[in-house]
Amino acid sequence: MPNTFPKHSKLCGQERIAALYKEGKKFTSWPIRVTYQPNEADTQVLVWAPKSLFKRAVHRNRLRRLMREAYRLHQDLLGEQHYLLAFNYIDKEEQPYAVIEKAICKALKKIATTKVG
C-alpha cells in the first residue's frame, strides 16, 4: 500500500460522520480520541482539531496536518481491514509530532488487533 492520502480516503458527509460518532466504538490514545467502525469499502479518515481549544486556524491546521501525516505514514498497520476512522485532538496544548505519531501508531495497532464485526 503506498503512503498516500488521496481524496477518496477522506471521510466527508454529515450523515456518514454522524453515523460514525453514533454507532462507532471509541477509545483514547492521548492526546487523540479515536472513533472507528468497520467499513465495507475503503478506509476513510476524518481528522479534527476543535476551535474551542485552538482559536487560531494556524494552530488547528498544523495539528490536523501532523495527524494526517502520521496516519499516512502508518496506515499499513491496519492491514487489509477497512474502517471509518475519526481522529479528534483533545489536548489543550499543542504536542510535538513525535507524541502525535506515537499516539496514532498505538491507535492503529489497537484497531487492527480488535475483532471485526
N, C-alpha and C. Protein backbone atom coordinates (compact mmCIF):
# COMPACT_ATOMS: atom_id res chain seq x y z
N MET A 1 0.84 -1.18 0.00
CA MET A 1 0.00 0.00 0.00
C MET A 1 0.89 1.25 0.00
N PRO A 2 0.68 2.12 -0.96
CA PRO A 2 1.51 3.32 -1.00
C PRO A 2 1.15 4.28 0.14
N ASN A 3 2.13 5.07 0.55
CA ASN A 3 1.92 6.03 1.64
C ASN A 3 1.32 7.32 1.10
N THR A 4 0.09 7.25 0.64
CA THR A 4 -0.58 8.44 0.13
C THR A 4 -1.87 8.66 0.90
N PHE A 5 -2.45 9.82 0.74
CA PHE A 5 -3.71 10.15 1.40
C PHE A 5 -4.60 10.87 0.38
N PRO A 6 -5.14 10.11 -0.60
CA PRO A 6 -5.94 10.73 -1.66
C PRO A 6 -7.33 11.15 -1.18
N LYS A 7 -8.03 11.87 -2.01
CA LYS A 7 -9.33 12.41 -1.65
C LYS A 7 -10.34 11.32 -1.26
N HIS A 8 -10.32 10.18 -1.91
CA HIS A 8 -11.30 9.14 -1.59
C HIS A 8 -11.04 8.51 -0.21
N SER A 9 -9.91 8.83 0.41
CA SER A 9 -9.62 8.33 1.75
C SER A 9 -10.10 9.28 2.84
N LYS A 10 -10.67 10.42 2.45
CA LYS A 10 -11.15 11.40 3.42
C LYS A 10 -12.63 11.18 3.68
N LEU A 11 -12.99 11.13 4.94
CA LEU A 11 -14.39 10.92 5.33
C LEU A 11 -15.12 12.24 5.26
N CYS A 12 -16.18 12.31 4.46
CA CYS A 12 -17.00 13.51 4.37
C CYS A 12 -18.47 13.14 4.32
N GLY A 13 -19.30 14.12 4.51
CA GLY A 13 -20.74 13.91 4.52
C GLY A 13 -21.27 13.87 5.93
N GLN A 14 -22.19 14.77 6.24
CA GLN A 14 -22.70 14.88 7.60
C GLN A 14 -23.35 13.60 8.09
N GLU A 15 -24.08 12.92 7.22
CA GLU A 15 -24.78 11.70 7.64
C GLU A 15 -23.79 10.59 7.99
N ARG A 16 -22.76 10.41 7.18
CA ARG A 16 -21.76 9.36 7.45
C ARG A 16 -20.98 9.67 8.72
N ILE A 17 -20.64 10.94 8.91
CA ILE A 17 -19.88 11.33 10.11
C ILE A 17 -20.75 11.16 11.35
N ALA A 18 -22.01 11.57 11.27
CA ALA A 18 -22.92 11.42 12.41
C ALA A 18 -23.13 9.95 12.75
N ALA A 19 -23.25 9.10 11.73
CA ALA A 19 -23.42 7.67 11.96
C ALA A 19 -22.17 7.07 12.61
N LEU A 20 -21.00 7.52 12.19
CA LEU A 20 -19.76 7.02 12.79
C LEU A 20 -19.71 7.38 14.27
N TYR A 21 -20.01 8.61 14.62
CA TYR A 21 -19.95 9.02 16.03
C TYR A 21 -21.06 8.36 16.85
N LYS A 22 -22.17 8.04 16.22
CA LYS A 22 -23.28 7.42 16.96
C LYS A 22 -23.05 5.92 17.17
N GLU A 23 -22.61 5.22 16.13
CA GLU A 23 -22.52 3.77 16.16
C GLU A 23 -21.10 3.23 16.38
N GLY A 24 -20.10 4.07 16.18
CA GLY A 24 -18.71 3.62 16.25
C GLY A 24 -18.23 3.39 17.68
N LYS A 25 -17.14 2.68 17.79
CA LYS A 25 -16.50 2.44 19.09
C LYS A 25 -15.44 3.51 19.31
N LYS A 26 -15.26 3.90 20.58
CA LYS A 26 -14.35 4.98 20.91
C LYS A 26 -13.31 4.53 21.94
N PHE A 27 -12.13 5.10 21.83
CA PHE A 27 -11.11 4.96 22.85
C PHE A 27 -10.15 6.13 22.72
N THR A 28 -9.33 6.32 23.76
CA THR A 28 -8.40 7.44 23.77
C THR A 28 -6.97 6.93 23.73
N SER A 29 -6.20 7.51 22.84
CA SER A 29 -4.76 7.30 22.76
C SER A 29 -4.17 8.70 22.88
N TRP A 30 -3.89 9.11 24.12
CA TRP A 30 -3.59 10.51 24.42
C TRP A 30 -2.52 11.06 23.51
N PRO A 31 -2.69 12.18 22.88
CA PRO A 31 -3.69 13.23 23.01
C PRO A 31 -4.79 13.15 21.96
N ILE A 32 -5.13 11.95 21.51
CA ILE A 32 -6.11 11.79 20.44
C ILE A 32 -7.21 10.84 20.88
N ARG A 33 -8.47 11.23 20.61
CA ARG A 33 -9.60 10.33 20.81
C ARG A 33 -9.93 9.73 19.44
N VAL A 34 -10.05 8.42 19.41
CA VAL A 34 -10.26 7.70 18.17
C VAL A 34 -11.66 7.09 18.18
N THR A 35 -12.38 7.29 17.09
CA THR A 35 -13.68 6.65 16.88
C THR A 35 -13.54 5.82 15.60
N TYR A 36 -13.96 4.56 15.66
CA TYR A 36 -13.81 3.72 14.48
C TYR A 36 -15.01 2.80 14.31
N GLN A 37 -15.19 2.37 13.08
CA GLN A 37 -16.28 1.48 12.73
C GLN A 37 -15.86 0.70 11.49
N PRO A 38 -16.09 -0.61 11.44
CA PRO A 38 -15.75 -1.37 10.23
C PRO A 38 -16.51 -0.84 9.03
N ASN A 39 -15.89 -0.93 7.86
CA ASN A 39 -16.48 -0.41 6.63
C ASN A 39 -16.29 -1.44 5.52
N GLU A 40 -17.25 -1.52 4.64
CA GLU A 40 -17.16 -2.46 3.52
C GLU A 40 -16.20 -1.97 2.44
N ALA A 41 -16.24 -0.69 2.15
CA ALA A 41 -15.38 -0.12 1.11
C ALA A 41 -14.03 0.27 1.70
N ASP A 42 -13.35 1.20 1.07
CA ASP A 42 -12.03 1.63 1.52
C ASP A 42 -12.07 2.28 2.89
N THR A 43 -10.91 2.34 3.53
CA THR A 43 -10.77 3.05 4.80
C THR A 43 -10.88 4.55 4.53
N GLN A 44 -11.68 5.23 5.35
CA GLN A 44 -11.82 6.68 5.24
C GLN A 44 -11.55 7.30 6.60
N VAL A 45 -10.91 8.47 6.59
CA VAL A 45 -10.43 9.09 7.81
C VAL A 45 -10.92 10.53 7.93
N LEU A 46 -11.31 10.90 9.15
CA LEU A 46 -11.66 12.27 9.49
C LEU A 46 -10.66 12.74 10.54
N VAL A 47 -10.06 13.91 10.32
CA VAL A 47 -9.08 14.47 11.25
C VAL A 47 -9.65 15.79 11.75
N TRP A 48 -9.66 15.98 13.08
CA TRP A 48 -10.34 17.14 13.64
C TRP A 48 -9.58 17.71 14.83
N ALA A 49 -9.44 19.03 14.83
CA ALA A 49 -8.88 19.77 15.97
C ALA A 49 -9.91 20.86 16.31
N PRO A 50 -10.39 20.93 17.54
CA PRO A 50 -11.51 21.80 17.87
C PRO A 50 -11.16 23.29 17.96
N LYS A 51 -12.08 24.09 17.48
CA LYS A 51 -11.93 25.54 17.56
C LYS A 51 -12.05 26.02 19.01
N SER A 52 -12.76 25.27 19.83
CA SER A 52 -12.94 25.67 21.22
C SER A 52 -11.62 25.61 22.00
N LEU A 53 -10.68 24.75 21.56
CA LEU A 53 -9.39 24.65 22.23
C LEU A 53 -8.31 25.49 21.55
N PHE A 54 -8.40 25.62 20.23
CA PHE A 54 -7.40 26.35 19.46
C PHE A 54 -8.10 27.41 18.62
N LYS A 55 -8.08 28.63 19.10
CA LYS A 55 -8.82 29.71 18.46
C LYS A 55 -8.23 30.10 17.11
N ARG A 56 -6.92 30.00 16.97
CA ARG A 56 -6.28 30.40 15.72
C ARG A 56 -6.24 29.23 14.74
N ALA A 57 -6.67 29.51 13.52
CA ALA A 57 -6.73 28.48 12.48
C ALA A 57 -5.35 27.91 12.18
N VAL A 58 -4.32 28.71 12.34
CA VAL A 58 -2.96 28.25 12.09
C VAL A 58 -2.63 27.04 12.96
N HIS A 59 -3.01 27.10 14.22
CA HIS A 59 -2.72 26.01 15.15
C HIS A 59 -3.57 24.78 14.84
N ARG A 60 -4.85 24.97 14.52
CA ARG A 60 -5.72 23.84 14.16
C ARG A 60 -5.21 23.16 12.90
N ASN A 61 -4.84 23.96 11.91
CA ASN A 61 -4.35 23.40 10.65
C ASN A 61 -3.06 22.61 10.86
N ARG A 62 -2.17 23.11 11.71
CA ARG A 62 -0.93 22.40 11.97
C ARG A 62 -1.19 21.06 12.63
N LEU A 63 -2.08 21.04 13.62
CA LEU A 63 -2.39 19.78 14.30
C LEU A 63 -3.02 18.78 13.33
N ARG A 64 -3.93 19.25 12.49
CA ARG A 64 -4.54 18.35 11.50
C ARG A 64 -3.50 17.82 10.53
N ARG A 65 -2.59 18.69 10.10
CA ARG A 65 -1.54 18.27 9.18
C ARG A 65 -0.65 17.21 9.81
N LEU A 66 -0.31 17.39 11.09
CA LEU A 66 0.53 16.40 11.78
C LEU A 66 -0.19 15.07 11.94
N MET A 67 -1.48 15.11 12.27
CA MET A 67 -2.23 13.85 12.41
C MET A 67 -2.37 13.14 11.07
N ARG A 68 -2.64 13.89 10.00
CA ARG A 68 -2.74 13.28 8.67
C ARG A 68 -1.42 12.66 8.25
N GLU A 69 -0.32 13.35 8.52
CA GLU A 69 1.00 12.83 8.15
C GLU A 69 1.31 11.54 8.91
N ALA A 70 1.02 11.52 10.21
CA ALA A 70 1.26 10.31 11.00
C ALA A 70 0.41 9.15 10.49
N TYR A 71 -0.86 9.42 10.17
CA TYR A 71 -1.73 8.36 9.63
C TYR A 71 -1.20 7.89 8.28
N ARG A 72 -0.85 8.83 7.42
CA ARG A 72 -0.40 8.50 6.07
C ARG A 72 0.81 7.57 6.10
N LEU A 73 1.75 7.83 7.02
CA LEU A 73 2.96 7.02 7.09
C LEU A 73 2.74 5.66 7.73
N HIS A 74 1.70 5.53 8.55
CA HIS A 74 1.50 4.29 9.30
C HIS A 74 0.17 3.59 8.99
N GLN A 75 -0.48 3.95 7.89
CA GLN A 75 -1.77 3.35 7.57
C GLN A 75 -1.66 1.86 7.26
N ASP A 76 -0.48 1.39 6.93
CA ASP A 76 -0.30 -0.03 6.64
C ASP A 76 -0.45 -0.90 7.88
N LEU A 77 -0.47 -0.31 9.08
CA LEU A 77 -0.68 -1.08 10.31
C LEU A 77 -2.08 -1.69 10.38
N LEU A 78 -3.02 -1.14 9.63
CA LEU A 78 -4.38 -1.68 9.62
C LEU A 78 -4.49 -2.97 8.81
N GLY A 79 -3.54 -3.23 7.96
CA GLY A 79 -3.59 -4.44 7.14
C GLY A 79 -4.62 -4.31 6.05
N GLU A 80 -5.35 -5.40 5.81
CA GLU A 80 -6.34 -5.43 4.74
C GLU A 80 -7.74 -5.05 5.21
N GLN A 81 -7.90 -4.74 6.48
CA GLN A 81 -9.22 -4.38 7.02
C GLN A 81 -9.55 -2.94 6.64
N HIS A 82 -10.85 -2.65 6.51
CA HIS A 82 -11.30 -1.31 6.13
C HIS A 82 -12.17 -0.73 7.24
N TYR A 83 -11.96 0.55 7.54
CA TYR A 83 -12.66 1.22 8.64
C TYR A 83 -13.04 2.64 8.25
N LEU A 84 -14.01 3.16 8.98
CA LEU A 84 -14.23 4.59 9.05
C LEU A 84 -13.55 5.04 10.33
N LEU A 85 -12.67 6.02 10.24
CA LEU A 85 -11.89 6.46 11.40
C LEU A 85 -12.07 7.96 11.62
N ALA A 86 -12.10 8.35 12.88
CA ALA A 86 -12.08 9.77 13.23
C ALA A 86 -11.01 9.97 14.29
N PHE A 87 -10.09 10.88 14.02
CA PHE A 87 -9.05 11.25 14.98
C PHE A 87 -9.37 12.65 15.49
N ASN A 88 -9.69 12.76 16.78
CA ASN A 88 -10.02 14.04 17.40
C ASN A 88 -8.90 14.42 18.36
N TYR A 89 -8.33 15.58 18.17
CA TYR A 89 -7.28 16.06 19.06
C TYR A 89 -7.94 16.63 20.31
N ILE A 90 -7.58 16.13 21.51
CA ILE A 90 -8.29 16.54 22.73
C ILE A 90 -7.42 17.24 23.76
N ASP A 91 -6.13 17.33 23.54
CA ASP A 91 -5.26 18.01 24.50
C ASP A 91 -5.43 19.53 24.35
N LYS A 92 -5.24 20.25 25.43
CA LYS A 92 -5.39 21.71 25.40
C LYS A 92 -4.15 22.41 24.88
N GLU A 93 -3.04 21.69 24.77
CA GLU A 93 -1.80 22.27 24.28
C GLU A 93 -1.32 21.49 23.06
N GLU A 94 -0.61 22.17 22.19
CA GLU A 94 -0.05 21.51 21.02
C GLU A 94 1.10 20.60 21.46
N GLN A 95 1.07 19.38 20.98
CA GLN A 95 2.13 18.42 21.28
C GLN A 95 3.05 18.31 20.06
N PRO A 96 4.30 17.92 20.27
CA PRO A 96 5.21 17.75 19.12
C PRO A 96 4.79 16.54 18.28
N TYR A 97 5.32 16.50 17.06
CA TYR A 97 4.97 15.45 16.12
C TYR A 97 5.23 14.06 16.67
N ALA A 98 6.32 13.87 17.39
CA ALA A 98 6.67 12.55 17.92
C ALA A 98 5.57 12.00 18.82
N VAL A 99 4.96 12.84 19.63
CA VAL A 99 3.89 12.41 20.53
C VAL A 99 2.64 12.03 19.73
N ILE A 100 2.31 12.85 18.74
CA ILE A 100 1.14 12.58 17.91
C ILE A 100 1.35 11.30 17.10
N GLU A 101 2.53 11.13 16.54
CA GLU A 101 2.83 9.94 15.76
C GLU A 101 2.73 8.68 16.61
N LYS A 102 3.25 8.73 17.81
CA LYS A 102 3.20 7.58 18.72
C LYS A 102 1.75 7.24 19.06
N ALA A 103 0.92 8.26 19.30
CA ALA A 103 -0.49 8.03 19.62
C ALA A 103 -1.24 7.42 18.44
N ILE A 104 -0.98 7.90 17.24
CA ILE A 104 -1.64 7.36 16.04
C ILE A 104 -1.22 5.91 15.82
N CYS A 105 0.06 5.63 15.95
CA CYS A 105 0.54 4.24 15.78
C CYS A 105 -0.10 3.31 16.79
N LYS A 106 -0.15 3.74 18.03
CA LYS A 106 -0.76 2.94 19.09
C LYS A 106 -2.23 2.68 18.79
N ALA A 107 -2.93 3.71 18.32
CA ALA A 107 -4.35 3.57 17.99
C ALA A 107 -4.56 2.62 16.82
N LEU A 108 -3.75 2.75 15.77
CA LEU A 108 -3.91 1.88 14.61
C LEU A 108 -3.63 0.42 14.95
N LYS A 109 -2.62 0.20 15.80
CA LYS A 109 -2.33 -1.18 16.23
C LYS A 109 -3.49 -1.75 17.04
N LYS A 110 -4.08 -0.93 17.90
CA LYS A 110 -5.20 -1.39 18.71
C LYS A 110 -6.40 -1.72 17.84
N ILE A 111 -6.68 -0.89 16.85
CA ILE A 111 -7.80 -1.14 15.94
C ILE A 111 -7.56 -2.42 15.14
N ALA A 112 -6.33 -2.61 14.67
CA ALA A 112 -6.01 -3.78 13.85
C ALA A 112 -6.14 -5.07 14.62
N THR A 113 -5.93 -5.04 15.95
CA THR A 113 -6.00 -6.26 16.74
C THR A 113 -7.41 -6.56 17.25
N THR A 114 -8.34 -5.63 17.10
CA THR A 114 -9.71 -5.90 17.54
C THR A 114 -10.44 -6.74 16.53
N LYS A 115 -11.42 -7.48 17.00
CA LYS A 115 -12.23 -8.32 16.11
C LYS A 115 -13.16 -7.45 15.27
N VAL A 116 -13.29 -7.75 14.01
CA VAL A 116 -14.18 -7.03 13.12
C VAL A 116 -15.56 -7.58 13.24
N GLY A 117 -16.54 -6.68 13.29
CA GLY A 117 -17.93 -7.13 13.31
C GLY A 117 -18.49 -7.05 14.65
